[in-house]
């Protein structure tokens, strides 16, 4: 099944787009792994999981005791730990959606986080390279969870951008990082489009790979308050895109 990564700078509507795409595949009877790899951790809310469940679901990067049990004690440990148990134990499930929180990769400092980072990347590898279900990863502006090895499992990366110079430049930087990792199919999603001038700006900056231009609606402001967004134009646009992706997937399976 299709494996999708979604990225974009903060505030452009990336997580809202990710949630809408996840819901599309779930409605169409696909099992979807919905992976929140954005430090803001708001994807679960937009997927309508109860806040108490989301708060009680520990990010994988913070499961130190479980990681020790998975990778082993001592100075030497597996760099490719078995992560099926983690995936089975630390997910929330409803309506064909399996939701998990990754958490951020740890930087160097007073403690060594090699073990935690190893497991995070192993989880991503398992999802992208081994799982048969749809996988959609909400990544944030950084794509550090991906490596050159795991990026081969990404069928498509969507980068969400607003029709502004700053946002477009950020999107291009993310695209370069993804391209350097070897991701071949990179598409841009233009969000919060107010006018023909906005659309033309997006076409000028992304002439060959602008997958969608989503019109602005006031309801999008609900995202900033952590509420599930009911945006008709967004839903219709993602429905069209999802049907295209689904058609390609079904054609490949024949």
C-alpha atoms as a PDB file:
ATOM      1  CA  UNK A   1       0.000   0.000   0.000  1.00  0.00           C
ATOM      2  CA  UNK A   2       0.968   3.612  -0.526  1.00  0.00           C
ATOM      3  CA  UNK A   3       3.437   5.244   1.898  1.00  0.00           C
ATOM      4  CA  UNK A   4       3.163   9.020   2.235  1.00  0.00           C
ATOM      5  CA  UNK A   5       5.240  11.594   4.115  1.00  0.00           C
ATOM      6  CA  UNK A   6       3.871  15.096   4.697  1.00  0.00           C
ATOM      7  CA  UNK A   7       6.032  18.072   5.617  1.00  0.00           C
ATOM      8  CA  UNK A   8       5.912  21.866   5.743  1.00  0.00           C
ATOM      9  CA  UNK A   9       6.777  24.757   8.033  1.00  0.00           C
ATOM     10  CA  UNK A  10       4.613  25.442  11.058  1.00  0.00           C
ATOM     11  CA  UNK A  11       1.230  27.052  10.530  1.00  0.00           C
ATOM     12  CA  UNK A  12       0.709  26.211   6.860  1.00  0.00           C
ATOM     13  CA  UNK A  13      -1.990  23.589   7.509  1.00  0.00           C
ATOM     14  CA  UNK A  14       0.223  20.532   7.094  1.00  0.00           C
ATOM     15  CA  UNK A  15      -1.323  18.555   9.933  1.00  0.00           C
ATOM     16  CA  UNK A  16      -4.851  19.448   8.818  1.00  0.00           C
ATOM     17  CA  UNK A  17      -4.026  18.158   5.334  1.00  0.00           C
ATOM     18  CA  UNK A  18      -2.462  14.988   6.792  1.00  0.00           C
ATOM     19  CA  UNK A  19      -5.535  14.300   8.917  1.00  0.00           C
ATOM     20  CA  UNK A  20      -7.895  14.787   5.982  1.00  0.00           C
ATOM     21  CA  UNK A  21      -5.872  12.401   3.812  1.00  0.00           C
ATOM     22  CA  UNK A  22      -5.794   9.803   6.596  1.00  0.00           C
ATOM     23  CA  UNK A  23      -9.570  10.049   7.012  1.00  0.00           C
ATOM     24  CA  UNK A  24     -10.060   9.626   3.263  1.00  0.00           C
ATOM     25  CA  UNK A  25      -8.219   6.308   3.166  1.00  0.00           C
ATOM     26  CA  UNK A  26      -9.910   5.124   6.378  1.00  0.00           C
ATOM     27  CA  UNK A  27     -13.352   5.925   4.900  1.00  0.00           C
ATOM     28  CA  UNK A  28     -12.424   3.847   1.873  1.00  0.00           C
ATOM     29  CA  UNK A  29     -11.769   0.766   4.015  1.00  0.00           C
ATOM     30  CA  UNK A  30      -7.971   0.960   4.086  1.00  0.00           C
ATOM     31  CA  UNK A  31      -6.145   0.339   7.348  1.00  0.00           C
ATOM     32  CA  UNK A  32      -4.026   3.452   7.884  1.00  0.00           C
ATOM     33  CA  UNK A  33      -1.031   3.919  10.155  1.00  0.00           C
ATOM     34  CA  UNK A  34      -1.225   7.597  11.134  1.00  0.00           C
ATOM     35  CA  UNK A  35       2.190   8.596  12.448  1.00  0.00           C
ATOM     36  CA  UNK A  36       2.671  11.866  14.329  1.00  0.00           C
ATOM     37  CA  UNK A  37       6.367  12.709  13.942  1.00  0.00           C
ATOM     38  CA  UNK A  38       5.803  16.436  14.466  1.00  0.00           C
ATOM     39  CA  UNK A  39       6.945  17.752  17.882  1.00  0.00           C
ATOM     40  CA  UNK A  40       3.710  19.784  18.099  1.00  0.00           C
ATOM     41  CA  UNK A  41       1.778  16.493  18.416  1.00  0.00           C
ATOM     42  CA  UNK A  42      -1.624  17.713  17.185  1.00  0.00           C
ATOM     43  CA  UNK A  43      -2.469  15.044  14.607  1.00  0.00           C
ATOM     44  CA  UNK A  44      -4.388  12.862  17.065  1.00  0.00           C
ATOM     45  CA  UNK A  45      -6.717  15.724  17.961  1.00  0.00           C
ATOM     46  CA  UNK A  46      -7.554  16.380  14.317  1.00  0.00           C
ATOM     47  CA  UNK A  47      -8.274  12.656  13.892  1.00  0.00           C
ATOM     48  CA  UNK A  48     -10.913  12.993  16.622  1.00  0.00           C
ATOM     49  CA  UNK A  49      -9.217  10.769  19.192  1.00  0.00           C
ATOM     50  CA  UNK A  50     -10.256  11.691  22.762  1.00  0.00           C
ATOM     51  CA  UNK A  51      -7.816  14.122  24.340  1.00  0.00           C
ATOM     52  CA  UNK A  52      -7.387  11.923  27.413  1.00  0.00           C
ATOM     53  CA  UNK A  53      -6.316   8.975  25.238  1.00  0.00           C
ATOM     54  CA  UNK A  54      -3.856  11.125  23.316  1.00  0.00           C
ATOM     55  CA  UNK A  55      -2.337  12.520  26.514  1.00  0.00           C
ATOM     56  CA  UNK A  56      -1.969   9.026  27.966  1.00  0.00           C
ATOM     57  CA  UNK A  57      -0.256   7.685  24.840  1.00  0.00           C
ATOM     58  CA  UNK A  58       3.467   8.073  25.466  1.00  0.00           C
ATOM     59  CA  UNK A  59       5.618   9.013  22.460  1.00  0.00           C
ATOM     60  CA  UNK A  60       7.874   6.138  21.463  1.00  0.00           C
ATOM     61  CA  UNK A  61      10.975   8.247  22.064  1.00  0.00           C
ATOM     62  CA  UNK A  62      10.024   8.591  25.764  1.00  0.00           C
ATOM     63  CA  UNK A  63       9.554   4.861  26.423  1.00  0.00           C
ATOM     64  CA  UNK A  64      13.022   4.427  27.854  1.00  0.00           C
ATOM     65  CA  UNK A  65      12.344   1.239  29.825  1.00  0.00           C
ATOM     66  CA  UNK A  66      10.598  -0.351  26.863  1.00  0.00           C
ATOM     67  CA  UNK A  67      13.432   0.686  24.576  1.00  0.00           C
ATOM     68  CA  UNK A  68      15.974  -0.869  26.946  1.00  0.00           C
ATOM     69  CA  UNK A  69      13.983  -4.091  26.915  1.00  0.00           C
ATOM     70  CA  UNK A  70      13.781  -3.968  23.126  1.00  0.00           C
ATOM     71  CA  UNK A  71      17.415  -3.169  22.405  1.00  0.00           C
ATOM     72  CA  UNK A  72      19.135  -4.782  25.379  1.00  0.00           C
ATOM     73  CA  UNK A  73      21.254  -3.426  28.213  1.00  0.00           C
ATOM     74  CA  UNK A  74      24.913  -2.580  28.141  1.00  0.00           C
ATOM     75  CA  UNK A  75      27.290  -0.752  25.852  1.00  0.00           C
ATOM     76  CA  UNK A  76      26.269  -2.750  22.778  1.00  0.00           C
ATOM     77  CA  UNK A  77      22.728  -2.955  21.496  1.00  0.00           C
ATOM     78  CA  UNK A  78      20.858  -3.723  18.328  1.00  0.00           C
ATOM     79  CA  UNK A  79      20.734  -0.901  15.797  1.00  0.00           C
ATOM     80  CA  UNK A  80      17.820  -2.698  14.126  1.00  0.00           C
ATOM     81  CA  UNK A  81      15.653  -3.662  17.080  1.00  0.00           C
ATOM     82  CA  UNK A  82      12.496  -5.692  16.682  1.00  0.00           C
ATOM     83  CA  UNK A  83       9.718  -3.128  16.888  1.00  0.00           C
ATOM     84  CA  UNK A  84       6.540  -5.091  16.099  1.00  0.00           C
ATOM     85  CA  UNK A  85       5.711  -5.298  19.802  1.00  0.00           C
ATOM     86  CA  UNK A  86       6.074  -1.542  20.187  1.00  0.00           C
ATOM     87  CA  UNK A  87       3.777  -0.972  17.224  1.00  0.00           C
ATOM     88  CA  UNK A  88       1.197  -3.365  18.633  1.00  0.00           C
ATOM     89  CA  UNK A  89       1.286  -2.005  22.182  1.00  0.00           C
ATOM     90  CA  UNK A  90       1.565   1.729  21.704  1.00  0.00           C
ATOM     91  CA  UNK A  91      -1.126   2.670  19.209  1.00  0.00           C
ATOM     92  CA  UNK A  92      -4.626   4.065  19.449  1.00  0.00           C
ATOM     93  CA  UNK A  93      -7.132   2.451  17.100  1.00  0.00           C
ATOM     94  CA  UNK A  94     -10.500   3.510  15.689  1.00  0.00           C
ATOM     95  CA  UNK A  95     -12.271   3.600  12.342  1.00  0.00           C
ATOM     96  CA  UNK A  96      -9.457   1.808  10.437  1.00  0.00           C
ATOM     97  CA  UNK A  97      -6.874   4.252  11.848  1.00  0.00           C
ATOM     98  CA  UNK A  98      -3.871   3.149  13.915  1.00  0.00           C
ATOM     99  CA  UNK A  99      -2.396   6.256  15.522  1.00  0.00           C
ATOM    100  CA  UNK A 100       1.032   6.509  17.137  1.00  0.00           C
ATOM    101  CA  UNK A 101       3.260   9.308  18.363  1.00  0.00           C
ATOM    102  CA  UNK A 102       6.945   9.184  17.501  1.00  0.00           C
ATOM    103  CA  UNK A 103       8.357  12.191  19.304  1.00  0.00           C
ATOM    104  CA  UNK A 104      11.438  14.133  18.285  1.00  0.00           C
ATOM    105  CA  UNK A 105      14.885  12.709  17.685  1.00  0.00           C
ATOM    106  CA  UNK A 106      17.157  13.561  20.607  1.00  0.00           C
ATOM    107  CA  UNK A 107      20.180  15.761  20.141  1.00  0.00           C
ATOM    108  CA  UNK A 108      23.532  15.274  21.821  1.00  0.00           C
ATOM    109  CA  UNK A 109      23.989  16.551  25.353  1.00  0.00           C
ATOM    110  CA  UNK A 110      24.461  15.225  28.831  1.00  0.00           C
ATOM    111  CA  UNK A 111      22.911  11.866  27.963  1.00  0.00           C
ATOM    112  CA  UNK A 112      23.377   9.542  25.038  1.00  0.00           C
ATOM    113  CA  UNK A 113      20.232   9.118  22.975  1.00  0.00           C
ATOM    114  CA  UNK A 114      21.649   6.734  20.382  1.00  0.00           C
ATOM    115  CA  UNK A 115      19.361   3.957  21.588  1.00  0.00           C
ATOM    116  CA  UNK A 116      16.174   6.040  21.406  1.00  0.00           C
ATOM    117  CA  UNK A 117      17.042   7.410  17.980  1.00  0.00           C
ATOM    118  CA  UNK A 118      17.852   3.920  16.742  1.00  0.00           C
ATOM    119  CA  UNK A 119      14.421   2.654  17.738  1.00  0.00           C
ATOM    120  CA  UNK A 120      12.599   5.654  16.257  1.00  0.00           C
ATOM    121  CA  UNK A 121      14.291   5.070  12.931  1.00  0.00           C
ATOM    122  CA  UNK A 122      13.633   1.335  13.187  1.00  0.00           C
ATOM    123  CA  UNK A 123       9.919   2.032  13.686  1.00  0.00           C
ATOM    124  CA  UNK A 124       9.872   4.274  10.602  1.00  0.00           C
ATOM    125  CA  UNK A 125      11.748   1.604   8.650  1.00  0.00           C
ATOM    126  CA  UNK A 126       9.278  -1.095   9.718  1.00  0.00           C
ATOM    127  CA  UNK A 127       6.307   1.041   8.689  1.00  0.00           C
ATOM    128  CA  UNK A 128       7.710   2.159   5.346  1.00  0.00           C
ATOM    129  CA  UNK A 129       9.449  -0.994   4.203  1.00  0.00           C
ATOM    130  CA  UNK A 130       7.551  -3.907   5.765  1.00  0.00           C
ATOM    131  CA  UNK A 131       3.963  -2.958   6.483  1.00  0.00           C
ATOM    132  CA  UNK A 132       1.261  -3.714   3.910  1.00  0.00           C
ATOM    133  CA  UNK A 133      -1.110  -0.994   5.101  1.00  0.00           C
ATOM    134  CA  UNK A 134      -1.304   2.660   4.083  1.00  0.00           C
ATOM    135  CA  UNK A 135       1.179   4.744   6.088  1.00  0.00           C
ATOM    136  CA  UNK A 136       0.927   8.536   6.386  1.00  0.00           C
ATOM    137  CA  UNK A 137       3.598  10.356   8.402  1.00  0.00           C
ATOM    138  CA  UNK A 138       3.051  13.927   9.578  1.00  0.00           C
ATOM    139  CA  UNK A 139       6.668  15.097   9.818  1.00  0.00           C
ATOM    140  CA  UNK A 140       6.909  18.789  10.556  1.00  0.00           C
ATOM    141  CA  UNK A 141       9.411  21.054   8.840  1.00  0.00           C
ATOM    142  CA  UNK A 142      12.312  18.700   9.492  1.00  0.00           C
ATOM    143  CA  UNK A 143      12.531  15.269   7.903  1.00  0.00           C
ATOM    144  CA  UNK A 144      15.241  13.929  10.189  1.00  0.00           C
ATOM    145  CA  UNK A 145      13.236  10.793  11.020  1.00  0.00           C
ATOM    146  CA  UNK A 146      13.947   9.635   7.470  1.00  0.00           C
ATOM    147  CA  UNK A 147      17.286   8.230   6.385  1.00  0.00           C
ATOM    148  CA  UNK A 148      18.615   7.344   2.962  1.00  0.00           C
ATOM    149  CA  UNK A 149      17.662   3.740   3.709  1.00  0.00           C
ATOM    150  CA  UNK A 150      14.078   4.362   4.822  1.00  0.00           C
ATOM    151  CA  UNK A 151      13.369   7.065   2.232  1.00  0.00           C
ATOM    152  CA  UNK A 152      13.226   4.360  -0.435  1.00  0.00           C
ATOM    153  CA  UNK A 153       9.933   3.292   1.129  1.00  0.00           C
ATOM    154  CA  UNK A 154       8.307   6.716   0.647  1.00  0.00           C
ATOM    155  CA  UNK A 155       6.086   6.608  -2.426  1.00  0.00           C
ATOM    156  CA  UNK A 156       5.318  10.303  -2.325  1.00  0.00           C
ATOM    157  CA  UNK A 157       6.175  13.318  -0.183  1.00  0.00           C
ATOM    158  CA  UNK A 158       3.662  16.149   0.004  1.00  0.00           C
ATOM    159  CA  UNK A 159       5.059  19.505   1.114  1.00  0.00           C
ATOM    160  CA  UNK A 160       2.406  21.986   2.214  1.00  0.00           C
ATOM    161  CA  UNK A 161       3.012  25.684   1.569  1.00  0.00           C
ATOM    162  CA  UNK A 162       1.193  28.983   1.693  1.00  0.00           C
ATOM    163  CA  UNK A 163       1.334  31.359  -1.297  1.00  0.00           C
ATOM    164  CA  UNK A 164       4.019  33.585   0.259  1.00  0.00           C
ATOM    165  CA  UNK A 165       7.722  33.999  -0.462  1.00  0.00           C
ATOM    166  CA  UNK A 166       8.818  32.830   2.994  1.00  0.00           C
ATOM    167  CA  UNK A 167       6.615  29.750   2.961  1.00  0.00           C
ATOM    168  CA  UNK A 168       7.547  28.847  -0.624  1.00  0.00           C
ATOM    169  CA  UNK A 169      11.242  29.161   0.180  1.00  0.00           C
ATOM    170  CA  UNK A 170      10.845  26.875   3.209  1.00  0.00           C
ATOM    171  CA  UNK A 171       9.027  24.355   1.038  1.00  0.00           C
ATOM    172  CA  UNK A 172      11.873  24.387  -1.486  1.00  0.00           C
ATOM    173  CA  UNK A 173      14.446  23.793   1.275  1.00  0.00           C
ATOM    174  CA  UNK A 174      12.460  20.794   2.531  1.00  0.00           C
ATOM    175  CA  UNK A 175      12.185  19.499  -1.038  1.00  0.00           C
ATOM    176  CA  UNK A 176      15.955  19.702  -1.464  1.00  0.00           C
ATOM    177  CA  UNK A 177      16.504  17.715   1.742  1.00  0.00           C
ATOM    178  CA  UNK A 178      14.019  15.096   0.536  1.00  0.00           C
ATOM    179  CA  UNK A 179      15.634  14.957  -2.879  1.00  0.00           C
ATOM    180  CA  UNK A 180      19.077  14.521  -1.281  1.00  0.00           C
ATOM    181  CA  UNK A 181      17.687  11.502   0.563  1.00  0.00           C
ATOM    182  CA  UNK A 182      16.577  10.015  -2.735  1.00  0.00           C
ATOM    183  CA  UNK A 183      12.817  10.638  -2.564  1.00  0.00           C
ATOM    184  CA  UNK A 184      11.799  10.829  -6.191  1.00  0.00           C
ATOM    185  CA  UNK A 185       8.148  11.838  -6.066  1.00  0.00           C
ATOM    186  CA  UNK A 186       7.822  15.227  -4.344  1.00  0.00           C
ATOM    187  CA  UNK A 187       4.582  17.180  -4.718  1.00  0.00           C
ATOM    188  CA  UNK A 188       3.505  20.533  -3.316  1.00  0.00           C
ATOM    189  CA  UNK A 189       0.172  21.379  -1.715  1.00  0.00           C
ATOM    190  CA  UNK A 190      -0.763  25.061  -1.881  1.00  0.00           C
ATOM    191  CA  UNK A 191      -2.962  25.970   1.075  1.00  0.00           C
ATOM    192  CA  UNK A 192      -4.885  29.109   2.117  1.00  0.00           C
ATOM    193  CA  UNK A 193      -5.331  30.328  -1.447  1.00  0.00           C
ATOM    194  CA  UNK A 194      -7.376  33.540  -1.411  1.00  0.00           C
ATOM    195  CA  UNK A 195      -7.234  34.660  -5.055  1.00  0.00           C
ATOM    196  CA  UNK A 196      -6.067  34.004  -8.602  1.00  0.00           C
ATOM    197  CA  UNK A 197      -2.915  35.949  -7.726  1.00  0.00           C
ATOM    198  CA  UNK A 198      -2.168  33.417  -4.972  1.00  0.00           C
ATOM    199  CA  UNK A 199      -2.728  30.527  -7.368  1.00  0.00           C
ATOM    200  CA  UNK A 200      -0.507  32.094 -10.018  1.00  0.00           C
ATOM    201  CA  UNK A 201       2.216  32.627  -7.406  1.00  0.00           C
ATOM    202  CA  UNK A 202       2.118  28.918  -6.547  1.00  0.00           C
ATOM    203  CA  UNK A 203       2.216  27.892 -10.214  1.00  0.00           C
ATOM    204  CA  UNK A 204       5.202  30.152 -10.851  1.00  0.00           C
ATOM    205  CA  UNK A 205       7.117  28.698  -7.894  1.00  0.00           C
ATOM    206  CA  UNK A 206       6.085  25.074  -8.407  1.00  0.00           C
ATOM    207  CA  UNK A 207       5.309  24.823 -12.137  1.00  0.00           C
ATOM    208  CA  UNK A 208       5.720  21.056 -12.505  1.00  0.00           C
ATOM    209  CA  UNK A 209       4.591  19.484  -9.261  1.00  0.00           C
ATOM    210  CA  UNK A 210       1.769  21.487  -7.667  1.00  0.00           C
ATOM    211  CA  UNK A 211      -0.653  18.715  -6.740  1.00  0.00           C
ATOM    212  CA  UNK A 212      -3.352  20.856  -5.134  1.00  0.00           C
ATOM    213  CA  UNK A 213      -4.280  24.477  -4.498  1.00  0.00           C
ATOM    214  CA  UNK A 214      -6.737  24.588  -1.600  1.00  0.00           C
ATOM    215  CA  UNK A 215      -8.978  27.616  -1.221  1.00  0.00           C
ATOM    216  CA  UNK A 216      -8.976  29.428   2.107  1.00  0.00           C
ATOM    217  CA  UNK A 217     -11.943  29.024   4.434  1.00  0.00           C
ATOM    218  CA  UNK A 218     -12.534  30.611   7.823  1.00  0.00           C
ATOM    219  CA  UNK A 219     -12.993  27.177   9.389  1.00  0.00           C
ATOM    220  CA  UNK A 220      -9.264  26.560   9.020  1.00  0.00           C
ATOM    221  CA  UNK A 221      -8.800  28.865  12.019  1.00  0.00           C
ATOM    222  CA  UNK A 222     -10.192  26.090  14.206  1.00  0.00           C
ATOM    223  CA  UNK A 223      -6.918  24.222  13.748  1.00  0.00           C
ATOM    224  CA  UNK A 224      -5.096  26.815  15.837  1.00  0.00           C
ATOM    225  CA  UNK A 225      -7.469  26.070  18.727  1.00  0.00           C
ATOM    226  CA  UNK A 226      -6.889  22.321  18.465  1.00  0.00           C
ATOM    227  CA  UNK A 227     -10.359  21.534  17.137  1.00  0.00           C
ATOM    228  CA  UNK A 228     -11.167  19.054  14.392  1.00  0.00           C
ATOM    229  CA  UNK A 229     -11.481  21.069  11.204  1.00  0.00           C
ATOM    230  CA  UNK A 230     -14.625  20.765   9.094  1.00  0.00           C
ATOM    231  CA  UNK A 231     -13.437  22.471   5.945  1.00  0.00           C
ATOM    232  CA  UNK A 232     -15.619  21.623   2.945  1.00  0.00           C
ATOM    233  CA  UNK A 233     -13.183  22.886   0.308  1.00  0.00           C
ATOM    234  CA  UNK A 234     -10.283  21.072   1.939  1.00  0.00           C
ATOM    235  CA  UNK A 235     -12.298  17.852   2.150  1.00  0.00           C
ATOM    236  CA  UNK A 236     -13.319  18.070  -1.509  1.00  0.00           C
ATOM    237  CA  UNK A 237      -9.774  18.805  -2.664  1.00  0.00           C
ATOM    238  CA  UNK A 238      -8.270  15.936  -0.650  1.00  0.00           C
ATOM    239  CA  UNK A 239     -11.066  13.615  -1.812  1.00  0.00           C
ATOM    240  CA  UNK A 240     -10.039  14.283  -5.412  1.00  0.00           C
ATOM    241  CA  UNK A 241      -6.368  13.753  -4.642  1.00  0.00           C
ATOM    242  CA  UNK A 242      -7.094  10.620  -2.619  1.00  0.00           C
ATOM    243  CA  UNK A 243      -9.123   9.094  -5.442  1.00  0.00           C
ATOM    244  CA  UNK A 244      -6.192   9.695  -7.793  1.00  0.00           C
ATOM    245  CA  UNK A 245      -3.780   7.996  -5.370  1.00  0.00           C
ATOM    246  CA  UNK A 246      -6.211   5.138  -4.790  1.00  0.00           C
ATOM    247  CA  UNK A 247      -6.656   4.632  -8.524  1.00  0.00           C
ATOM    248  CA  UNK A 248      -2.903   4.417  -9.066  1.00  0.00           C
ATOM    249  CA  UNK A 249      -2.556   1.937  -6.212  1.00  0.00           C
ATOM    250  CA  UNK A 250      -5.350  -0.298  -7.504  1.00  0.00           C
ATOM    251  CA  UNK A 251      -3.907  -0.196 -11.012  1.00  0.00           C
ATOM    252  CA  UNK A 252      -0.498  -1.336  -9.718  1.00  0.00           C
ATOM    253  CA  UNK A 253      -2.105  -4.263  -7.886  1.00  0.00           C
ATOM    254  CA  UNK A 254      -3.776  -5.594 -11.044  1.00  0.00           C
END
